[in-house]
Amino acid sequence: MDPSWLYELQVYQTAASVILPTVQTEGAELVQDVAATLRGAVIDDGGGPCEYRFRYGLTVAYGSETT
């Protein structure tokens, strides 16, 4: 065996399909000039880790989102 050769093998498992999370958004409460209380729930995470946030703005084009 020639020690000058080095082989590296990386194997990754790929998902067969992506299942989107199911969410439910409730109406905003305590809406003020610079704050509001937003509520929602992740009903089904699709079987994997997920992130969630709210999009908001003065029109349906939104323009901002929570962290």
Protein backbone atom coordinates (compact mmCIF):
# COMPACT_ATOMS: atom_id res chain seq x y z
CA MET A 1 0.00 0.00 0.00
CA ASP A 2 1.43 3.36 -1.04
CA PRO A 3 1.25 5.76 1.96
CA SER A 4 1.16 8.83 -0.32
CA TRP A 5 -2.48 8.12 -1.25
CA LEU A 6 -5.28 9.21 1.04
CA TYR A 7 -8.93 8.50 0.37
CA GLU A 8 -11.80 10.24 2.11
CA LEU A 9 -15.41 9.16 1.83
CA GLN A 10 -18.31 11.18 3.18
CA VAL A 11 -21.78 9.62 3.11
CA TYR A 12 -24.93 11.63 3.77
CA GLN A 13 -28.46 10.41 4.12
CA THR A 14 -30.93 12.37 2.00
CA ALA A 15 -34.58 12.81 2.79
CA ALA A 16 -36.96 10.95 0.51
CA SER A 17 -39.40 13.88 0.54
CA VAL A 18 -39.97 17.12 2.40
CA ILE A 19 -43.14 17.46 4.43
CA LEU A 20 -43.97 21.09 5.12
CA PRO A 21 -44.99 22.06 8.64
CA THR A 22 -48.62 22.82 9.38
CA VAL A 23 -49.26 26.03 11.28
CA GLN A 24 -52.20 27.97 12.65
CA THR A 25 -52.08 31.75 13.06
CA GLU A 26 -54.42 33.54 15.44
CA GLY A 27 -55.44 37.19 15.27
CA ALA A 28 -53.22 39.92 16.73
CA GLU A 29 -54.10 41.27 20.17
CA LEU A 30 -53.18 44.38 22.14
CA VAL A 31 -52.23 46.20 18.92
CA GLN A 32 -50.50 49.49 19.70
CA ASP A 33 -48.44 51.99 17.71
CA VAL A 34 -45.16 50.11 18.22
CA ALA A 35 -46.17 46.72 19.65
CA ALA A 36 -48.67 43.90 19.36
CA THR A 37 -49.16 40.41 20.75
CA LEU A 38 -49.03 37.77 18.03
CA ARG A 39 -50.05 34.14 18.50
CA GLY A 40 -49.67 31.04 16.43
CA ALA A 41 -49.04 27.33 16.78
CA VAL A 42 -47.05 24.70 14.94
CA ILE A 43 -49.64 21.93 14.54
CA ASP A 44 -47.24 19.48 12.83
CA ASP A 45 -43.50 20.10 12.41
CA GLY A 46 -43.31 17.84 9.34
CA GLY A 47 -41.04 15.40 11.13
CA GLY A 48 -38.00 17.64 11.48
CA PRO A 49 -36.67 20.82 12.99
CA CYS A 50 -38.36 24.01 11.79
CA GLU A 51 -38.18 27.76 12.35
CA TYR A 52 -41.13 30.07 12.68
CA ARG A 53 -41.70 33.81 12.50
CA PHE A 54 -44.39 36.35 11.76
CA ARG A 55 -44.41 38.68 8.79
CA TYR A 56 -46.04 42.05 9.32
CA GLY A 57 -46.47 45.46 7.75
CA LEU A 58 -48.91 48.23 6.92
CA THR A 59 -50.19 46.41 3.80
CA VAL A 60 -50.57 42.78 2.68
CA ALA A 61 -47.12 43.14 1.07
CA TYR A 62 -45.85 43.07 4.70
CA GLY A 63 -42.17 44.13 4.51
CA SER A 64 -40.99 43.11 7.99
CA GLU A 65 -40.74 39.92 9.99
CA THR A 66 -39.98 38.87 13.55
CA THR A 67 -36.65 37.26 14.44
